[in-house]
Amino acid sequence: MSDVTIYHNPNCGTSRNTLALLREKGVEPTVVEYLKAGWTKAQLEDILKRMGAGAHQILRTNGTKADELGLTDPNASDEALLAAMIIDPILVNRPIVVTPKGAALCRPAELALSLI
């Protein structure tokens, strides 16, 4: 089992590029298609802790109902965002790479290099 995990959407070019970049560097990550697998609160909290970030920093707004749901409001709580992300996994931006060195939203893909 790999100590590198990528939370991946195969329909996303940046996600595909990040996965390809990891493989080019000799890393075969555990690939989690989060739109199929979904999220748990514990997973999201762990990722955010590793990133040193809040839920707003991983919120996907393009092509989602984030604005309609009031999630783009700076006053929306992390609890509200996490609850929405669990219900609708597309609200989490991608790709997220997690390694023993930490975690990052890898937009651009090259951000993954700092984690391997």
N, C-alpha and C. Protein backbone atom coordinates (compact mmCIF):
# COMPACT_ATOMS: atom_id res chain seq x y z
N MET A 1 0.84 -1.19 0.00
CA MET A 1 0.00 0.00 0.00
C MET A 1 0.88 1.24 0.00
N SER A 2 0.48 2.21 -0.78
CA SER A 2 1.25 3.45 -0.92
C SER A 2 1.00 4.38 0.28
N ASP A 3 2.02 5.18 0.60
CA ASP A 3 1.84 6.18 1.65
C ASP A 3 1.44 7.52 1.04
N VAL A 4 1.09 7.49 -0.25
CA VAL A 4 0.60 8.67 -0.95
C VAL A 4 -0.82 8.37 -1.44
N THR A 5 -1.72 9.28 -1.15
CA THR A 5 -3.11 9.14 -1.59
C THR A 5 -3.49 10.37 -2.39
N ILE A 6 -4.18 10.13 -3.50
CA ILE A 6 -4.73 11.23 -4.27
C ILE A 6 -6.25 11.08 -4.29
N TYR A 7 -6.93 12.14 -3.88
CA TYR A 7 -8.38 12.19 -3.97
C TYR A 7 -8.66 12.78 -5.35
N HIS A 8 -9.17 11.95 -6.23
CA HIS A 8 -9.11 12.13 -7.67
C HIS A 8 -10.48 12.15 -8.31
N ASN A 9 -10.60 12.99 -9.33
CA ASN A 9 -11.77 12.97 -10.21
C ASN A 9 -11.23 12.75 -11.61
N PRO A 10 -11.47 11.57 -12.20
CA PRO A 10 -10.90 11.28 -13.51
C PRO A 10 -11.42 12.18 -14.63
N ASN A 11 -12.50 12.91 -14.39
CA ASN A 11 -13.03 13.83 -15.39
C ASN A 11 -12.37 15.20 -15.35
N CYS A 12 -11.47 15.41 -14.41
CA CYS A 12 -10.81 16.71 -14.21
C CYS A 12 -9.39 16.65 -14.78
N GLY A 13 -9.08 17.57 -15.68
CA GLY A 13 -7.76 17.61 -16.28
C GLY A 13 -6.64 17.82 -15.27
N THR A 14 -6.83 18.72 -14.32
CA THR A 14 -5.81 18.96 -13.30
C THR A 14 -5.59 17.71 -12.46
N SER A 15 -6.66 17.01 -12.15
CA SER A 15 -6.55 15.78 -11.37
C SER A 15 -5.79 14.71 -12.17
N ARG A 16 -6.12 14.57 -13.43
CA ARG A 16 -5.41 13.60 -14.28
C ARG A 16 -3.93 13.98 -14.40
N ASN A 17 -3.65 15.27 -14.56
CA ASN A 17 -2.26 15.72 -14.68
C ASN A 17 -1.48 15.46 -13.39
N THR A 18 -2.11 15.66 -12.26
CA THR A 18 -1.45 15.43 -10.97
C THR A 18 -1.13 13.95 -10.81
N LEU A 19 -2.08 13.10 -11.13
CA LEU A 19 -1.85 11.66 -11.05
C LEU A 19 -0.71 11.25 -11.99
N ALA A 20 -0.71 11.77 -13.20
CA ALA A 20 0.35 11.44 -14.16
C ALA A 20 1.71 11.93 -13.65
N LEU A 21 1.75 13.12 -13.06
CA LEU A 21 2.99 13.68 -12.53
C LEU A 21 3.54 12.80 -11.41
N LEU A 22 2.68 12.37 -10.51
CA LEU A 22 3.12 11.48 -9.43
C LEU A 22 3.71 10.20 -10.01
N ARG A 23 3.03 9.64 -10.99
CA ARG A 23 3.52 8.39 -11.60
C ARG A 23 4.83 8.61 -12.34
N GLU A 24 4.98 9.76 -13.01
CA GLU A 24 6.25 10.08 -13.69
C GLU A 24 7.40 10.13 -12.70
N LYS A 25 7.11 10.53 -11.47
CA LYS A 25 8.13 10.62 -10.41
C LYS A 25 8.32 9.30 -9.68
N GLY A 26 7.70 8.24 -10.18
CA GLY A 26 7.88 6.92 -9.60
C GLY A 26 6.98 6.63 -8.41
N VAL A 27 5.98 7.44 -8.21
CA VAL A 27 5.05 7.25 -7.09
C VAL A 27 3.76 6.65 -7.63
N GLU A 28 3.37 5.52 -7.07
CA GLU A 28 2.07 4.92 -7.43
C GLU A 28 1.14 5.13 -6.23
N PRO A 29 0.35 6.20 -6.29
CA PRO A 29 -0.49 6.53 -5.15
C PRO A 29 -1.73 5.65 -5.04
N THR A 30 -2.30 5.63 -3.86
CA THR A 30 -3.63 5.08 -3.69
C THR A 30 -4.58 6.12 -4.28
N VAL A 31 -5.40 5.68 -5.22
CA VAL A 31 -6.31 6.60 -5.91
C VAL A 31 -7.71 6.43 -5.33
N VAL A 32 -8.25 7.50 -4.81
CA VAL A 32 -9.60 7.50 -4.26
C VAL A 32 -10.47 8.38 -5.13
N GLU A 33 -11.40 7.77 -5.84
CA GLU A 33 -12.36 8.55 -6.62
C GLU A 33 -13.44 9.02 -5.66
N TYR A 34 -13.22 10.19 -5.11
CA TYR A 34 -14.05 10.68 -4.01
C TYR A 34 -15.51 10.92 -4.40
N LEU A 35 -15.78 11.12 -5.68
CA LEU A 35 -17.18 11.29 -6.08
C LEU A 35 -17.95 9.98 -5.92
N LYS A 36 -17.24 8.85 -6.06
CA LYS A 36 -17.86 7.54 -5.84
C LYS A 36 -17.80 7.13 -4.37
N ALA A 37 -16.65 7.36 -3.75
CA ALA A 37 -16.43 6.91 -2.37
C ALA A 37 -17.11 7.81 -1.34
N GLY A 38 -17.24 9.10 -1.68
CA GLY A 38 -17.79 10.05 -0.72
C GLY A 38 -16.75 10.44 0.32
N TRP A 39 -17.19 11.23 1.27
CA TRP A 39 -16.33 11.74 2.33
C TRP A 39 -16.94 11.43 3.69
N THR A 40 -16.07 11.34 4.67
CA THR A 40 -16.53 11.33 6.06
C THR A 40 -16.03 12.62 6.70
N LYS A 41 -16.66 13.00 7.77
CA LYS A 41 -16.23 14.20 8.48
C LYS A 41 -14.79 14.03 8.98
N ALA A 42 -14.48 12.84 9.48
CA ALA A 42 -13.13 12.58 9.99
C ALA A 42 -12.08 12.71 8.88
N GLN A 43 -12.38 12.21 7.69
CA GLN A 43 -11.44 12.34 6.56
C GLN A 43 -11.17 13.81 6.25
N LEU A 44 -12.24 14.55 6.09
CA LEU A 44 -12.09 15.97 5.74
C LEU A 44 -11.36 16.74 6.83
N GLU A 45 -11.69 16.48 8.07
CA GLU A 45 -11.01 17.16 9.19
C GLU A 45 -9.52 16.82 9.21
N ASP A 46 -9.19 15.56 8.94
CA ASP A 46 -7.79 15.14 8.92
C ASP A 46 -7.04 15.84 7.78
N ILE A 47 -7.64 15.88 6.60
CA ILE A 47 -7.01 16.56 5.46
C ILE A 47 -6.78 18.03 5.78
N LEU A 48 -7.80 18.69 6.31
CA LEU A 48 -7.67 20.11 6.63
C LEU A 48 -6.60 20.35 7.68
N LYS A 49 -6.51 19.47 8.67
CA LYS A 49 -5.48 19.60 9.70
C LYS A 49 -4.09 19.46 9.07
N ARG A 50 -3.92 18.48 8.19
CA ARG A 50 -2.64 18.27 7.51
C ARG A 50 -2.28 19.45 6.62
N MET A 51 -3.30 20.09 6.04
CA MET A 51 -3.09 21.25 5.18
C MET A 51 -2.87 22.53 5.98
N GLY A 52 -3.32 22.52 7.24
CA GLY A 52 -3.30 23.75 8.02
C GLY A 52 -4.28 24.76 7.43
N ALA A 53 -5.44 24.24 7.01
CA ALA A 53 -6.40 25.05 6.28
C ALA A 53 -7.80 24.92 6.87
N GLY A 54 -8.66 25.79 6.42
CA GLY A 54 -10.08 25.72 6.76
C GLY A 54 -10.87 25.18 5.58
N ALA A 55 -12.10 24.84 5.83
CA ALA A 55 -12.94 24.23 4.80
C ALA A 55 -13.15 25.14 3.59
N HIS A 56 -13.15 26.45 3.79
CA HIS A 56 -13.33 27.36 2.65
C HIS A 56 -12.22 27.18 1.62
N GLN A 57 -11.04 26.75 2.07
CA GLN A 57 -9.89 26.62 1.17
C GLN A 57 -9.99 25.40 0.24
N ILE A 58 -10.87 24.47 0.53
CA ILE A 58 -11.04 23.31 -0.36
C ILE A 58 -12.43 23.30 -1.00
N LEU A 59 -13.18 24.36 -0.82
CA LEU A 59 -14.53 24.45 -1.37
C LEU A 59 -14.46 24.68 -2.88
N ARG A 60 -15.11 23.82 -3.63
CA ARG A 60 -15.21 24.00 -5.09
C ARG A 60 -16.46 24.81 -5.36
N THR A 61 -16.30 25.89 -6.11
CA THR A 61 -17.44 26.75 -6.43
C THR A 61 -17.88 26.60 -7.87
N ASN A 62 -16.93 26.37 -8.79
CA ASN A 62 -17.28 26.22 -10.21
C ASN A 62 -18.06 24.93 -10.44
N GLY A 63 -19.20 25.06 -11.11
CA GLY A 63 -19.98 23.88 -11.46
C GLY A 63 -20.66 23.22 -10.28
N THR A 64 -20.81 23.95 -9.18
CA THR A 64 -21.48 23.38 -8.00
C THR A 64 -22.57 24.34 -7.53
N LYS A 65 -23.28 23.92 -6.50
CA LYS A 65 -24.32 24.75 -5.89
C LYS A 65 -23.81 25.50 -4.66
N ALA A 66 -22.50 25.66 -4.55
CA ALA A 66 -21.90 26.28 -3.37
C ALA A 66 -22.48 27.67 -3.11
N ASP A 67 -22.57 28.48 -4.12
CA ASP A 67 -23.08 29.84 -3.96
C ASP A 67 -24.56 29.81 -3.57
N GLU A 68 -25.31 29.00 -4.29
CA GLU A 68 -26.75 28.86 -4.04
C GLU A 68 -27.03 28.39 -2.61
N LEU A 69 -26.14 27.56 -2.09
CA LEU A 69 -26.31 27.02 -0.73
C LEU A 69 -25.78 27.97 0.35
N GLY A 70 -25.22 29.10 -0.07
CA GLY A 70 -24.68 30.06 0.89
C GLY A 70 -23.31 29.70 1.42
N LEU A 71 -22.64 28.74 0.78
CA LEU A 71 -21.36 28.25 1.29
C LEU A 71 -20.21 29.18 0.95
N THR A 72 -20.39 30.06 -0.02
CA THR A 72 -19.33 30.99 -0.39
C THR A 72 -19.30 32.21 0.52
N ASP A 73 -20.30 32.34 1.36
CA ASP A 73 -20.34 33.43 2.34
C ASP A 73 -19.16 33.24 3.29
N PRO A 74 -18.31 34.25 3.44
CA PRO A 74 -17.15 34.12 4.33
C PRO A 74 -17.53 33.76 5.78
N ASN A 75 -18.78 34.05 6.15
CA ASN A 75 -19.23 33.72 7.50
C ASN A 75 -19.78 32.31 7.64
N ALA A 76 -19.87 31.58 6.53
CA ALA A 76 -20.32 30.18 6.60
C ALA A 76 -19.29 29.40 7.41
N SER A 77 -19.76 28.63 8.37
CA SER A 77 -18.86 27.91 9.26
C SER A 77 -18.25 26.68 8.58
N ASP A 78 -17.09 26.26 9.11
CA ASP A 78 -16.49 25.02 8.63
C ASP A 78 -17.46 23.86 8.83
N GLU A 79 -18.17 23.86 9.93
CA GLU A 79 -19.14 22.79 10.19
C GLU A 79 -20.18 22.71 9.08
N ALA A 80 -20.70 23.87 8.65
CA ALA A 80 -21.69 23.90 7.57
C ALA A 80 -21.09 23.41 6.26
N LEU A 81 -19.87 23.85 5.98
CA LEU A 81 -19.22 23.42 4.75
C LEU A 81 -18.95 21.93 4.75
N LEU A 82 -18.42 21.41 5.85
CA LEU A 82 -18.13 19.98 5.93
C LEU A 82 -19.41 19.16 5.78
N ALA A 83 -20.48 19.59 6.42
CA ALA A 83 -21.75 18.87 6.29
C ALA A 83 -22.21 18.84 4.83
N ALA A 84 -22.09 19.96 4.15
CA ALA A 84 -22.49 20.03 2.74
C ALA A 84 -21.59 19.15 1.87
N MET A 85 -20.29 19.14 2.17
CA MET A 85 -19.33 18.34 1.39
C MET A 85 -19.59 16.85 1.54
N ILE A 86 -20.05 16.45 2.70
CA ILE A 86 -20.37 15.04 2.93
C ILE A 86 -21.61 14.65 2.13
N ILE A 87 -22.58 15.55 2.09
CA ILE A 87 -23.81 15.29 1.33
C ILE A 87 -23.54 15.32 -0.17
N ASP A 88 -22.73 16.28 -0.62
CA ASP A 88 -22.46 16.46 -2.05
C ASP A 88 -20.95 16.56 -2.27
N PRO A 89 -20.27 15.42 -2.50
CA PRO A 89 -18.81 15.40 -2.59
C PRO A 89 -18.21 16.31 -3.65
N ILE A 90 -18.97 16.70 -4.66
CA ILE A 90 -18.45 17.58 -5.71
C ILE A 90 -18.06 18.94 -5.15
N LEU A 91 -18.54 19.26 -3.95
CA LEU A 91 -18.21 20.55 -3.33
C LEU A 91 -16.77 20.62 -2.85
N VAL A 92 -16.05 19.50 -2.88
CA VAL A 92 -14.64 19.50 -2.50
C VAL A 92 -13.81 19.66 -3.76
N ASN A 93 -12.94 20.65 -3.76
CA ASN A 93 -12.08 20.88 -4.90
C ASN A 93 -11.05 19.76 -5.01
N ARG A 94 -10.50 19.58 -6.18
CA ARG A 94 -9.58 18.48 -6.41
C ARG A 94 -8.48 18.93 -7.35
N PRO A 95 -7.42 18.13 -7.37
CA PRO A 95 -7.12 16.93 -6.59
C PRO A 95 -6.46 17.30 -5.26
N ILE A 96 -6.70 16.48 -4.29
CA ILE A 96 -6.01 16.64 -3.00
C ILE A 96 -5.06 15.46 -2.87
N VAL A 97 -3.81 15.77 -2.57
CA VAL A 97 -2.79 14.74 -2.37
C VAL A 97 -2.40 14.76 -0.90
N VAL A 98 -2.33 13.56 -0.31
CA VAL A 98 -1.96 13.40 1.09
C VAL A 98 -0.76 12.45 1.17
N THR A 99 0.28 12.87 1.88
CA THR A 99 1.47 12.06 2.09
C THR A 99 1.89 12.24 3.55
N PRO A 100 2.91 11.51 4.00
CA PRO A 100 3.41 11.73 5.36
C PRO A 100 3.91 13.16 5.58
N LYS A 101 4.23 13.89 4.50
CA LYS A 101 4.71 15.27 4.62
C LYS A 101 3.57 16.27 4.78
N GLY A 102 2.34 15.85 4.54
CA GLY A 102 1.21 16.76 4.66
C GLY A 102 0.18 16.53 3.57
N ALA A 103 -0.59 17.56 3.29
CA ALA A 103 -1.64 17.47 2.28
C ALA A 103 -1.73 18.80 1.56
N ALA A 104 -2.21 18.74 0.31
CA ALA A 104 -2.37 19.98 -0.45
C ALA A 104 -3.44 19.79 -1.52
N LEU A 105 -4.13 20.87 -1.79
CA LEU A 105 -4.99 20.96 -2.96
C LEU A 105 -4.03 21.29 -4.09
N CYS A 106 -3.84 20.36 -5.00
CA CYS A 106 -2.78 20.47 -6.01
C CYS A 106 -3.27 21.13 -7.29
N ARG A 107 -3.54 22.41 -7.17
CA ARG A 107 -3.89 23.26 -8.30
C ARG A 107 -2.91 24.41 -8.29
N PRO A 108 -1.85 24.36 -9.04
CA PRO A 108 -1.53 23.46 -10.14
C PRO A 108 -0.96 22.12 -9.65
N ALA A 109 -0.88 21.19 -10.59
CA ALA A 109 -0.45 19.83 -10.29
C ALA A 109 0.93 19.79 -9.62
N GLU A 110 1.80 20.73 -9.99
CA GLU A 110 3.17 20.73 -9.47
C GLU A 110 3.26 20.89 -7.96
N LEU A 111 2.19 21.35 -7.34
CA LEU A 111 2.19 21.45 -5.87
C LEU A 111 2.39 20.08 -5.22
N ALA A 112 2.03 19.01 -5.93
CA ALA A 112 2.21 17.67 -5.38
C ALA A 112 3.69 17.33 -5.16
N LEU A 113 4.57 17.96 -5.92
CA LEU A 113 6.00 17.64 -5.82
C LEU A 113 6.56 17.98 -4.44
N SER A 114 6.01 18.97 -3.77
CA SER A 114 6.50 19.33 -2.44
C SER A 114 6.11 18.31 -1.38
N LEU A 115 5.21 17.40 -1.74
CA LEU A 115 4.72 16.41 -0.78
C LEU A 115 5.38 15.04 -0.93
N ILE A 116 6.20 14.88 -1.98
CA ILE A 116 6.82 13.56 -2.20
C ILE A 116 8.32 13.62 -1.99
